[in-house]
Amino acid sequence: MSTPSPLPEPLLAITNCDGYEGQVMALHLAKHLEGCFGHKNQDKSCVVDDDNDDKDKPKKPEPQIVCLARDLSKCKNLQNYRHIKLVEISHDKPETISIALRGLKTVVLVPEMEDNEVDLSDQFVDIMVQEQVIRCILISAIGTDANEKGHLARYRRIEDKVKTSIQRWTILRQGFLFECLYYWITMVQDQGILGMPIGPESEFTPLHIGDLGKALVSVTFPPDDDDDDDDDGDNDSHDQASAGLAKSKSTDTERSDHRTYTLTGSKRVTGPKLAEDLNHALQVHSDDASPPPTVTFKTITRDECKNYFLSLREGTGVPPTEAKEAPGFFASITRSLSQRRPWSFSGLFKSLVDDTQKTVGEDAKKDPKDPKDPKEPSKPKDPKDPKDPKNPKKPSKDRGPQVEPPNDTEVEMMLDLMDYIAEGRATFLSGDMEKITGHQGMGPEEFFKKHGRDFRRRHPKDL
């Protein structure tokens, strides 16, 4: 009689998993673990138990990432990953956070983009201390040196809290994300304009969120470059993989302790260069019957940009506040938004899934090369199955995580970041991405090659 397998043990926790950024970070961590435990010895940073001598010995549990969220209904894209455990928490009930973090030694802190984000982050850190969490990996942002820019300076306050409270910390500062350009899709589609409150000569170094995820994996599960020839084999390798982050003496993770990495993209760009790369991608993705219009970069004022961001709330049930006063060509955008469906980072998230995860959930447990793994027998067609051609109901599209229009905090954060760029303070190429991942990261040409289709003007039937 076989002994039942023990339950999987939590390995680390990550916050804000009902937000887009938190979801993508969780996806990359889960992908890494699937690579470790789904394909033995594929990654040197994973140590997998290869001891098959005792077949009666119960299979050791594969570790899980505890994904914290205030609204689990927004985490459907993560619920089928076998290395993810979704936990609902409430800031009004700190005990829910305490229970979620109990026994864990590592937490990835992704600040929530709310007006009280500093207080929320401080609460997390205080509970980490209470629950004896010894390591925090903080996702921060560039511009922490700009004390006059309130929303960027918030990250400095969060960083200081982590540094003074947690025994071991690593900070990943992200630059302007390529994915922020999705906020400009409506402007591009309706007006053929990429309008930003920066000059045409202003340079910055956009970062792909997938590269941020890779950097997180690198500092969370660093590769073991040490010579293992001296290993006497007494230690259980699987237990090492599951408990490695919990050991404060780990020399691998200590390489990134007390370090702040500023993550920038691989190339400097300007607004006109982004428009040029986008035009090239639109030509590639165009339909010969309806060639895409040319996208032109335009310098707009800070107030115009703010009004445009606020106008994205039209037709979504979110109060537009100042958006109704949007001047000039933004007025037509505001009117057209009421006829659009809520948009999302669907293609982007799907691309991330395709790039990082070929199998999820129960499918990932099956080894296609294992002859003992029988193929699933074919099932009769379900009359309610939308894939059945006899069923008139159309299948629902995979829209990825639904992205809400930017809230007030996100709007002000974007405007502060644009000001930071316009002042020429974001032109640096740090090299930290290549230092910790071995890769420079995605450039604008590759980003638009993958996602340019999302920016093309749509026919009414597609809206």
Protein backbone atom coordinates (compact mmCIF):
# COMPACT_ATOMS: atom_id res chain seq x y z
CA MET A 1 0.00 0.00 0.00
CA SER A 2 1.52 3.29 -1.10
CA THR A 3 1.93 6.15 1.34
CA PRO A 4 0.06 9.31 0.35
CA SER A 5 2.28 12.18 -0.77
CA PRO A 6 2.68 14.98 1.75
CA LEU A 7 1.12 18.33 1.03
CA PRO A 8 3.20 20.95 -0.81
CA GLU A 9 4.94 23.46 1.41
CA PRO A 10 4.93 27.22 0.80
CA LEU A 11 8.26 28.52 -0.45
CA LEU A 12 7.72 32.27 -0.53
CA ALA A 13 4.96 34.85 -0.78
CA ILE A 14 4.31 37.59 -3.32
CA THR A 15 1.92 40.49 -2.82
CA ASN A 16 -0.51 42.37 -5.09
CA CYS A 17 -1.36 39.35 -7.24
CA ASP A 18 -4.70 40.85 -8.22
CA GLY A 19 -2.75 43.56 -10.03
CA TYR A 20 -1.21 43.16 -13.46
CA GLU A 21 2.40 43.53 -12.32
CA GLY A 22 1.98 41.15 -9.40
CA GLN A 23 0.40 38.55 -11.68
CA VAL A 24 3.23 38.70 -14.17
CA MET A 25 5.84 38.41 -11.41
CA ALA A 26 4.01 35.39 -9.96
CA LEU A 27 3.83 33.85 -13.43
CA HIS A 28 7.59 34.01 -13.86
CA LEU A 29 8.27 32.52 -10.43
CA ALA A 30 5.80 29.69 -11.09
CA LYS A 31 7.32 29.03 -14.51
CA HIS A 32 10.75 28.70 -12.93
CA LEU A 33 9.50 26.12 -10.45
CA GLU A 34 7.78 24.14 -13.19
CA GLY A 35 11.08 24.09 -15.04
CA CYS A 36 12.74 22.77 -11.90
CA PHE A 37 10.29 20.07 -10.99
CA GLY A 38 8.85 19.25 -14.40
CA HIS A 39 12.18 18.76 -16.19
CA LYS A 40 14.93 17.39 -14.01
CA ASN A 41 18.24 19.21 -13.94
CA GLN A 42 17.16 21.60 -16.68
CA ASP A 43 18.14 24.65 -14.64
CA LYS A 44 21.29 24.80 -12.50
CA SER A 45 19.53 27.03 -9.99
CA CYS A 46 17.12 24.18 -9.22
CA VAL A 47 18.19 21.09 -7.33
CA VAL A 48 15.89 18.16 -8.00
CA ASP A 49 15.77 14.91 -6.12
CA ASP A 50 17.05 12.16 -8.43
CA ASP A 51 17.00 9.44 -5.78
CA ASN A 52 14.81 6.69 -7.17
CA ASP A 53 16.31 3.86 -5.12
CA ASP A 54 13.43 3.71 -2.69
CA LYS A 55 10.33 3.43 -4.85
CA ASP A 56 8.10 2.99 -1.82
CA LYS A 57 9.28 6.30 -0.45
CA PRO A 58 6.50 8.91 -0.83
CA LYS A 59 7.19 11.57 -3.42
CA LYS A 60 8.33 14.78 -1.81
CA PRO A 61 5.98 17.72 -2.21
CA GLU A 62 6.74 20.39 -4.77
CA PRO A 63 6.90 23.88 -3.25
CA GLN A 64 4.29 26.53 -3.78
CA ILE A 65 4.31 30.30 -4.05
CA VAL A 66 1.75 32.00 -1.84
CA CYS A 67 0.08 34.66 -3.98
CA LEU A 68 -1.65 37.30 -1.87
CA ALA A 69 -4.59 39.26 -3.28
CA ARG A 70 -7.43 41.36 -1.97
CA ASP A 71 -9.74 40.24 -4.79
CA LEU A 72 -9.31 36.63 -5.90
CA SER A 73 -11.80 37.12 -8.74
CA LYS A 74 -9.02 39.03 -10.55
CA CYS A 75 -6.59 36.11 -10.24
CA LYS A 76 -8.24 33.58 -12.54
CA ASN A 77 -5.17 33.49 -14.78
CA LEU A 78 -3.13 32.07 -11.90
CA GLN A 79 -5.54 29.61 -10.33
CA ASN A 80 -4.54 26.55 -12.40
CA TYR A 81 -0.82 26.74 -11.81
CA ARG A 82 0.26 23.85 -9.61
CA HIS A 83 3.01 25.85 -7.91
CA ILE A 84 0.70 28.71 -6.94
CA LYS A 85 -1.47 28.94 -3.85
CA LEU A 86 -3.89 31.87 -3.95
CA VAL A 87 -4.71 33.46 -0.60
CA GLU A 88 -7.17 36.29 -0.05
CA ILE A 89 -6.09 38.95 2.43
CA SER A 90 -7.54 42.18 3.75
CA HIS A 91 -5.62 45.19 4.98
CA ASP A 92 -8.54 45.88 7.33
CA LYS A 93 -7.89 42.46 8.90
CA PRO A 94 -4.11 42.28 9.47
CA GLU A 95 -4.49 38.79 10.89
CA THR A 96 -5.24 37.51 7.38
CA ILE A 97 -1.81 38.74 6.26
CA SER A 98 -0.14 37.32 9.38
CA ILE A 99 -1.60 33.87 8.77
CA ALA A 100 -0.59 33.99 5.10
CA LEU A 101 3.04 34.85 5.93
CA ARG A 102 3.40 32.55 8.92
CA GLY A 103 6.40 30.26 8.59
CA LEU A 104 7.73 31.94 5.44
CA LYS A 105 11.20 33.42 5.23
CA THR A 106 10.98 35.32 1.92
CA VAL A 107 8.41 37.81 0.61
CA VAL A 108 8.33 39.58 -2.76
CA LEU A 109 6.74 42.97 -2.07
CA VAL A 110 4.95 44.55 -5.04
CA PRO A 111 3.52 47.89 -3.84
CA GLU A 112 -0.15 48.49 -4.57
CA MET A 113 -0.88 51.55 -6.69
CA GLU A 114 -3.22 53.23 -4.25
CA ASP A 115 -3.18 56.65 -2.64
CA ASN A 116 -2.10 55.03 0.64
CA GLU A 117 0.42 52.67 -0.96
CA VAL A 118 3.16 53.66 1.52
CA ASP A 119 0.91 52.81 4.49
CA LEU A 120 -0.11 49.50 2.89
CA SER A 121 3.52 48.59 2.24
CA ASP A 122 4.51 49.61 5.76
CA GLN A 123 1.81 47.32 7.11
CA PHE A 124 3.20 44.41 5.10
CA VAL A 125 6.73 45.09 6.36
CA ASP A 126 5.61 45.34 9.99
CA ILE A 127 3.84 42.00 9.69
CA MET A 128 6.92 40.50 8.03
CA VAL A 129 8.92 41.51 11.08
CA GLN A 130 6.24 40.10 13.37
CA GLU A 131 6.26 36.77 11.50
CA GLN A 132 10.07 36.66 11.40
CA VAL A 133 10.40 36.96 7.62
CA ILE A 134 14.11 37.43 7.03
CA ARG A 135 14.24 38.37 3.34
CA CYS A 136 12.29 40.90 1.27
CA ILE A 137 12.62 41.47 -2.47
CA LEU A 138 11.05 44.84 -3.25
CA ILE A 139 9.81 45.90 -6.69
CA SER A 140 10.53 49.62 -6.71
CA ALA A 141 10.93 52.29 -9.42
CA ILE A 142 13.42 54.78 -10.79
CA GLY A 143 13.10 58.40 -9.69
CA THR A 144 13.49 57.81 -5.97
CA ASP A 145 16.05 60.62 -6.04
CA ALA A 146 13.37 63.10 -7.13
CA ASN A 147 12.06 64.25 -3.77
CA GLU A 148 10.03 66.98 -5.47
CA LYS A 149 7.99 64.36 -7.35
CA GLY A 150 5.69 63.03 -4.68
CA HIS A 151 4.60 59.78 -6.32
CA LEU A 152 8.13 58.72 -7.28
CA ALA A 153 9.45 59.73 -3.86
CA ARG A 154 6.98 57.32 -2.27
CA TYR A 155 9.15 54.45 -3.41
CA ARG A 156 12.09 55.92 -1.50
CA ARG A 157 10.00 55.80 1.68
CA ILE A 158 9.06 52.17 1.04
CA GLU A 159 12.68 51.28 0.30
CA ASP A 160 13.84 52.92 3.54
CA LYS A 161 11.24 51.00 5.52
CA VAL A 162 12.39 47.68 4.06
CA LYS A 163 16.09 48.47 4.57
CA THR A 164 15.66 49.41 8.22
CA SER A 165 13.27 46.59 9.12
CA ILE A 166 14.23 43.43 7.24
CA GLN A 167 17.44 41.50 7.84
CA ARG A 168 18.08 40.68 4.18
CA TRP A 169 16.72 42.79 1.32
CA THR A 170 17.07 43.20 -2.43
CA ILE A 171 15.56 46.10 -4.40
CA LEU A 172 14.68 45.97 -8.09
CA ARG A 173 13.99 49.45 -9.47
CA GLN A 174 12.10 49.34 -12.73
CA GLY A 175 12.18 52.03 -15.38
CA PHE A 176 9.41 53.06 -17.76
CA LEU A 177 7.69 49.83 -18.80
CA PHE A 178 6.90 49.21 -22.47
CA GLU A 179 3.55 47.93 -21.23
CA CYS A 180 2.62 51.47 -20.12
CA LEU A 181 2.29 52.26 -23.83
CA TYR A 182 -0.98 50.33 -23.74
CA TYR A 183 -2.49 53.41 -22.11
CA TRP A 184 -1.85 55.19 -25.42
CA ILE A 185 -3.64 52.62 -27.60
CA THR A 186 -6.85 54.64 -27.84
CA MET A 187 -4.97 57.76 -28.90
CA VAL A 188 -2.98 55.82 -31.50
CA GLN A 189 -6.04 54.07 -32.90
CA ASP A 190 -8.36 57.07 -33.02
CA GLN A 191 -5.96 59.89 -33.90
CA GLY A 192 -2.77 58.27 -35.20
CA ILE A 193 -0.89 60.21 -32.53
CA LEU A 194 1.51 59.13 -29.82
CA GLY A 195 1.26 62.18 -27.57
CA MET A 196 3.52 62.51 -24.54
CA PRO A 197 4.51 65.43 -22.30
CA ILE A 198 8.16 65.10 -23.30
CA GLY A 199 10.22 66.75 -26.00
CA PRO A 200 11.09 64.92 -29.23
CA GLU A 201 14.72 64.78 -28.12
CA SER A 202 13.99 63.35 -24.64
CA GLU A 203 15.70 59.98 -24.24
CA PHE A 204 14.70 57.12 -21.94
CA THR A 205 15.24 53.37 -21.71
CA PRO A 206 11.94 51.41 -21.62
CA LEU A 207 11.92 48.02 -19.90
CA HIS A 208 9.84 44.98 -20.82
CA ILE A 209 7.91 43.61 -17.85
CA GLY A 210 8.97 40.10 -18.86
CA ASP A 211 12.59 41.16 -18.29
CA LEU A 212 11.63 42.44 -14.86
CA GLY A 213 10.19 38.98 -14.19
CA LYS A 214 13.42 37.33 -15.31
CA ALA A 215 15.42 39.60 -13.02
CA LEU A 216 13.14 38.68 -10.12
CA VAL A 217 13.71 34.99 -10.80
CA SER A 218 17.47 35.54 -10.95
CA VAL A 219 17.68 37.17 -7.51
CA THR A 220 15.11 34.83 -5.97
CA PHE A 221 16.54 31.57 -7.34
CA PRO A 222 20.13 32.47 -8.25
CA PRO A 223 22.07 29.95 -10.36
CA ASP A 224 24.57 27.84 -8.47
CA ASP A 225 27.91 28.39 -10.14
CA ASP A 226 29.87 26.63 -7.43
CA ASP A 227 31.68 23.36 -8.06
CA ASP A 228 29.58 20.55 -6.63
CA ASP A 229 32.29 17.90 -6.84
CA ASP A 230 32.92 18.14 -3.12
CA ASP A 231 29.32 17.36 -2.25
CA ASP A 232 29.27 14.26 -0.07
CA GLY A 233 25.67 13.53 -1.01
CA ASP A 234 24.43 13.49 2.57
CA ASN A 235 21.98 16.36 2.04
CA ASP A 236 18.62 15.75 0.46
CA SER A 237 18.67 17.74 -2.77
CA HIS A 238 14.90 18.13 -3.00
CA ASP A 239 14.75 19.48 0.52
CA GLN A 240 17.49 21.93 -0.42
CA ALA A 241 15.40 23.21 -3.30
CA SER A 242 12.34 23.67 -1.10
CA ALA A 243 14.13 25.19 1.85
CA GLY A 244 16.94 27.09 0.17
CA LEU A 245 15.31 30.49 0.53
CA ALA A 246 14.63 29.89 4.19
CA LYS A 247 18.31 29.55 5.05
CA SER A 248 19.89 32.82 6.00
CA LYS A 249 23.33 31.29 5.41
CA SER A 250 22.65 30.66 1.70
CA THR A 251 25.65 32.08 -0.14
CA ASP A 252 23.74 32.07 -3.44
CA THR A 253 20.98 34.44 -2.36
CA GLU A 254 23.39 36.49 -0.30
CA ARG A 255 25.00 37.63 -3.55
CA SER A 256 22.07 40.00 -4.02
CA ASP A 257 21.59 40.91 -0.36
CA HIS A 258 21.66 44.63 0.46
CA ARG A 259 21.82 45.47 -3.23
CA THR A 260 19.73 47.86 -5.28
CA TYR A 261 19.49 47.08 -9.00
CA THR A 262 18.23 49.70 -11.44
CA LEU A 263 16.72 47.82 -14.35
CA THR A 264 16.70 49.60 -17.69
CA GLY A 265 16.01 48.43 -21.22
CA SER A 266 18.68 47.61 -23.76
CA LYS A 267 18.36 50.81 -25.83
CA ARG A 268 17.77 54.53 -25.48
CA VAL A 269 14.69 55.70 -27.33
CA THR A 270 12.82 58.94 -27.98
CA GLY A 271 9.15 59.54 -28.63
CA PRO A 272 9.69 59.84 -32.42
CA LYS A 273 11.75 56.62 -32.38
CA LEU A 274 8.91 54.77 -30.65
CA ALA A 275 6.47 56.06 -33.26
CA GLU A 276 8.85 54.94 -36.04
CA ASP A 277 9.19 51.43 -34.59
CA LEU A 278 5.43 51.24 -34.08
CA ASN A 279 4.78 52.29 -37.70
CA HIS A 280 7.08 49.55 -38.93
CA ALA A 281 5.26 46.98 -36.81
CA LEU A 282 1.86 48.21 -37.98
CA GLN A 283 2.95 47.76 -41.59
CA VAL A 284 3.96 44.18 -40.82
CA HIS A 285 0.62 43.45 -39.15
CA SER A 286 -1.50 45.36 -41.68
CA ASP A 287 -4.23 44.04 -43.93
CA ASP A 288 -3.57 44.94 -47.57
CA ALA A 289 -7.20 46.00 -47.95
CA SER A 290 -6.86 48.62 -45.24
CA PRO A 291 -3.29 49.91 -44.77
CA PRO A 292 -2.70 51.37 -41.32
CA PRO A 293 -2.44 55.12 -40.86
CA THR A 294 0.92 56.56 -39.95
CA VAL A 295 1.46 57.22 -36.24
CA THR A 296 3.09 60.55 -35.44
CA PHE A 297 4.75 61.56 -32.20
CA LYS A 298 3.41 64.78 -30.69
CA THR A 299 4.59 66.75 -27.66
CA ILE A 300 1.58 67.56 -25.50
CA THR A 301 1.26 69.39 -22.19
CA ARG A 302 1.12 67.70 -18.83
CA ASP A 303 -2.53 68.74 -18.40
CA GLU A 304 -3.44 67.36 -21.83
CA CYS A 305 -1.83 64.05 -20.96
CA LYS A 306 -3.63 63.97 -17.62
CA ASN A 307 -6.97 64.68 -19.26
CA TYR A 308 -6.33 61.92 -21.77
CA PHE A 309 -5.61 59.38 -19.03
CA LEU A 310 -8.76 60.43 -17.21
CA SER A 311 -10.78 60.14 -20.42
CA LEU A 312 -9.97 56.42 -20.49
CA ARG A 313 -12.54 56.02 -17.74
CA GLU A 314 -15.42 56.99 -20.04
CA GLY A 315 -17.87 54.14 -20.59
CA THR A 316 -16.36 52.03 -17.82
CA GLY A 317 -18.43 53.17 -14.87
CA VAL A 318 -15.43 54.92 -13.33
CA PRO A 319 -16.03 58.64 -12.65
CA PRO A 320 -14.13 60.59 -15.34
CA THR A 321 -13.67 63.68 -13.10
CA GLU A 322 -11.77 66.19 -15.27
CA ALA A 323 -11.97 64.10 -18.43
CA LYS A 324 -15.11 65.85 -19.65
CA GLU A 325 -13.11 69.04 -19.96
CA ALA A 326 -10.52 67.40 -22.21
CA PRO A 327 -9.54 69.94 -24.89
CA GLY A 328 -8.75 69.63 -28.56
CA PHE A 329 -8.48 66.28 -30.25
CA PHE A 330 -8.99 64.44 -26.93
CA ALA A 331 -12.70 65.26 -27.09
CA SER A 332 -13.26 62.80 -29.95
CA ILE A 333 -11.37 60.14 -28.06
CA THR A 334 -13.61 60.66 -25.05
CA ARG A 335 -16.71 60.28 -27.21
CA SER A 336 -15.46 57.12 -28.90
CA LEU A 337 -14.56 55.42 -25.63
CA SER A 338 -18.20 55.09 -24.65
CA GLN A 339 -18.68 52.71 -27.60
CA ARG A 340 -15.69 50.50 -26.83
CA ARG A 341 -15.46 47.34 -24.83
CA PRO A 342 -13.24 47.41 -21.76
CA TRP A 343 -9.73 46.68 -22.96
CA SER A 344 -7.02 44.56 -21.40
CA PHE A 345 -3.44 43.42 -21.77
CA SER A 346 -4.82 40.23 -23.32
CA GLY A 347 -2.37 39.72 -26.14
CA LEU A 348 0.50 40.80 -23.95
CA PHE A 349 -0.32 38.43 -21.11
CA LYS A 350 -0.96 35.58 -23.54
CA SER A 351 2.44 36.19 -25.09
CA LEU A 352 4.05 36.04 -21.66
CA VAL A 353 2.28 32.76 -20.96
CA ASP A 354 3.38 31.34 -24.32
CA ASP A 355 6.97 32.44 -23.75
CA THR A 356 7.28 31.16 -20.21
CA GLN A 357 4.81 28.34 -19.77
CA LYS A 358 3.83 25.67 -22.27
CA THR A 359 1.81 23.61 -19.83
CA VAL A 360 -0.12 24.61 -16.75
CA GLY A 361 -2.20 22.98 -14.08
CA GLU A 362 -2.78 19.28 -14.35
CA ASP A 363 -1.35 19.08 -17.88
CA ALA A 364 2.06 20.05 -16.53
CA LYS A 365 2.13 16.91 -14.39
CA LYS A 366 2.16 14.62 -17.41
CA ASP A 367 5.40 13.69 -19.07
CA PRO A 368 4.82 13.36 -22.83
CA LYS A 369 7.94 11.20 -23.11
CA ASP A 370 6.80 8.78 -20.40
CA PRO A 371 5.27 5.67 -22.02
CA LYS A 372 3.54 4.93 -18.72
CA ASP A 373 1.59 8.15 -19.03
CA PRO A 374 -1.46 7.09 -21.04
CA LYS A 375 -3.08 9.48 -23.43
CA GLU A 376 -6.36 10.86 -22.27
CA PRO A 377 -9.18 9.00 -24.03
CA SER A 378 -11.28 11.06 -26.37
CA LYS A 379 -14.53 12.25 -24.92
CA PRO A 380 -17.85 12.55 -26.68
CA LYS A 381 -18.74 16.05 -27.72
CA ASP A 382 -20.59 18.03 -25.15
CA PRO A 383 -23.62 19.77 -26.67
CA LYS A 384 -22.85 22.70 -24.40
CA ASP A 385 -19.19 22.81 -25.42
CA PRO A 386 -18.55 26.10 -27.30
CA LYS A 387 -15.90 24.30 -29.39
CA ASP A 388 -18.54 21.98 -30.81
CA PRO A 389 -19.45 23.26 -34.32
CA LYS A 390 -23.07 22.30 -33.70
CA ASN A 391 -23.17 24.64 -30.74
CA PRO A 392 -24.05 28.14 -31.95
CA LYS A 393 -22.49 29.75 -28.90
CA LYS A 394 -19.13 31.32 -29.71
CA PRO A 395 -16.19 30.57 -27.42
CA SER A 396 -15.09 33.35 -25.17
CA LYS A 397 -11.79 35.00 -26.04
CA ASP A 398 -8.79 34.74 -23.76
CA ARG A 399 -8.56 38.36 -22.70
CA GLY A 400 -5.89 37.95 -20.08
CA PRO A 401 -6.00 40.06 -16.92
CA GLN A 402 -8.56 42.83 -17.24
CA VAL A 403 -6.82 46.20 -16.99
CA GLU A 404 -8.86 48.93 -15.43
CA PRO A 405 -8.34 52.55 -16.49
CA PRO A 406 -5.58 54.21 -14.43
CA ASN A 407 -6.70 55.37 -11.02
CA ASP A 408 -5.67 58.75 -9.67
CA THR A 409 -2.46 57.36 -8.16
CA GLU A 410 -1.45 55.67 -11.40
CA VAL A 411 -2.18 58.83 -13.38
CA GLU A 412 0.00 60.97 -11.11
CA MET A 413 2.71 58.31 -11.08
CA MET A 414 2.81 58.27 -14.89
CA LEU A 415 2.90 62.07 -15.04
CA ASP A 416 5.77 62.25 -12.53
CA LEU A 417 7.64 59.65 -14.56
CA MET A 418 7.07 61.64 -17.76
CA ASP A 419 8.40 64.76 -16.02
CA TYR A 420 11.44 62.78 -14.88
CA ILE A 421 12.07 61.70 -18.48
CA ALA A 422 11.50 65.21 -19.86
CA GLU A 423 14.14 66.56 -17.46
CA GLY A 424 16.72 64.18 -18.96
CA ARG A 425 17.10 62.11 -15.79
CA ALA A 426 16.20 58.70 -17.27
CA THR A 427 18.74 58.41 -20.07
CA PHE A 428 21.11 55.97 -18.36
CA LEU A 429 21.69 52.34 -19.36
CA SER A 430 22.52 50.71 -16.05
CA GLY A 431 23.70 47.30 -17.27
CA ASP A 432 22.14 45.70 -14.17
CA MET A 433 19.77 43.59 -16.26
CA GLU A 434 22.64 41.86 -18.04
CA LYS A 435 24.60 41.63 -14.78
CA ILE A 436 21.97 39.56 -12.98
CA THR A 437 20.30 37.72 -15.89
CA GLY A 438 23.02 37.50 -18.55
CA HIS A 439 20.75 39.24 -21.07
CA GLN A 440 20.37 42.90 -22.04
CA GLY A 441 16.60 42.69 -22.34
CA MET A 442 14.02 43.42 -25.00
CA GLY A 443 14.33 46.47 -27.25
CA PRO A 444 11.52 48.53 -28.84
CA GLU A 445 11.71 46.75 -32.20
CA GLU A 446 11.13 43.36 -30.60
CA PHE A 447 8.35 44.66 -28.35
CA PHE A 448 6.37 46.14 -31.24
CA LYS A 449 7.09 43.11 -33.39
CA LYS A 450 5.31 41.01 -30.76
CA HIS A 451 2.57 43.44 -29.77
CA GLY A 452 2.19 45.93 -32.62
CA ARG A 453 -1.02 44.20 -33.67
CA ASP A 454 -2.67 45.47 -30.48
CA PHE A 455 -2.12 49.09 -31.58
CA ARG A 456 -3.58 48.83 -35.07
CA ARG A 457 -6.83 50.62 -35.87
CA ARG A 458 -9.72 48.21 -35.48
CA HIS A 459 -12.79 47.78 -37.58
CA PRO A 460 -16.12 48.42 -35.83
CA LYS A 461 -16.85 44.67 -35.83
CA ASP A 462 -13.71 44.09 -33.74
CA LEU A 463 -14.62 46.62 -31.05
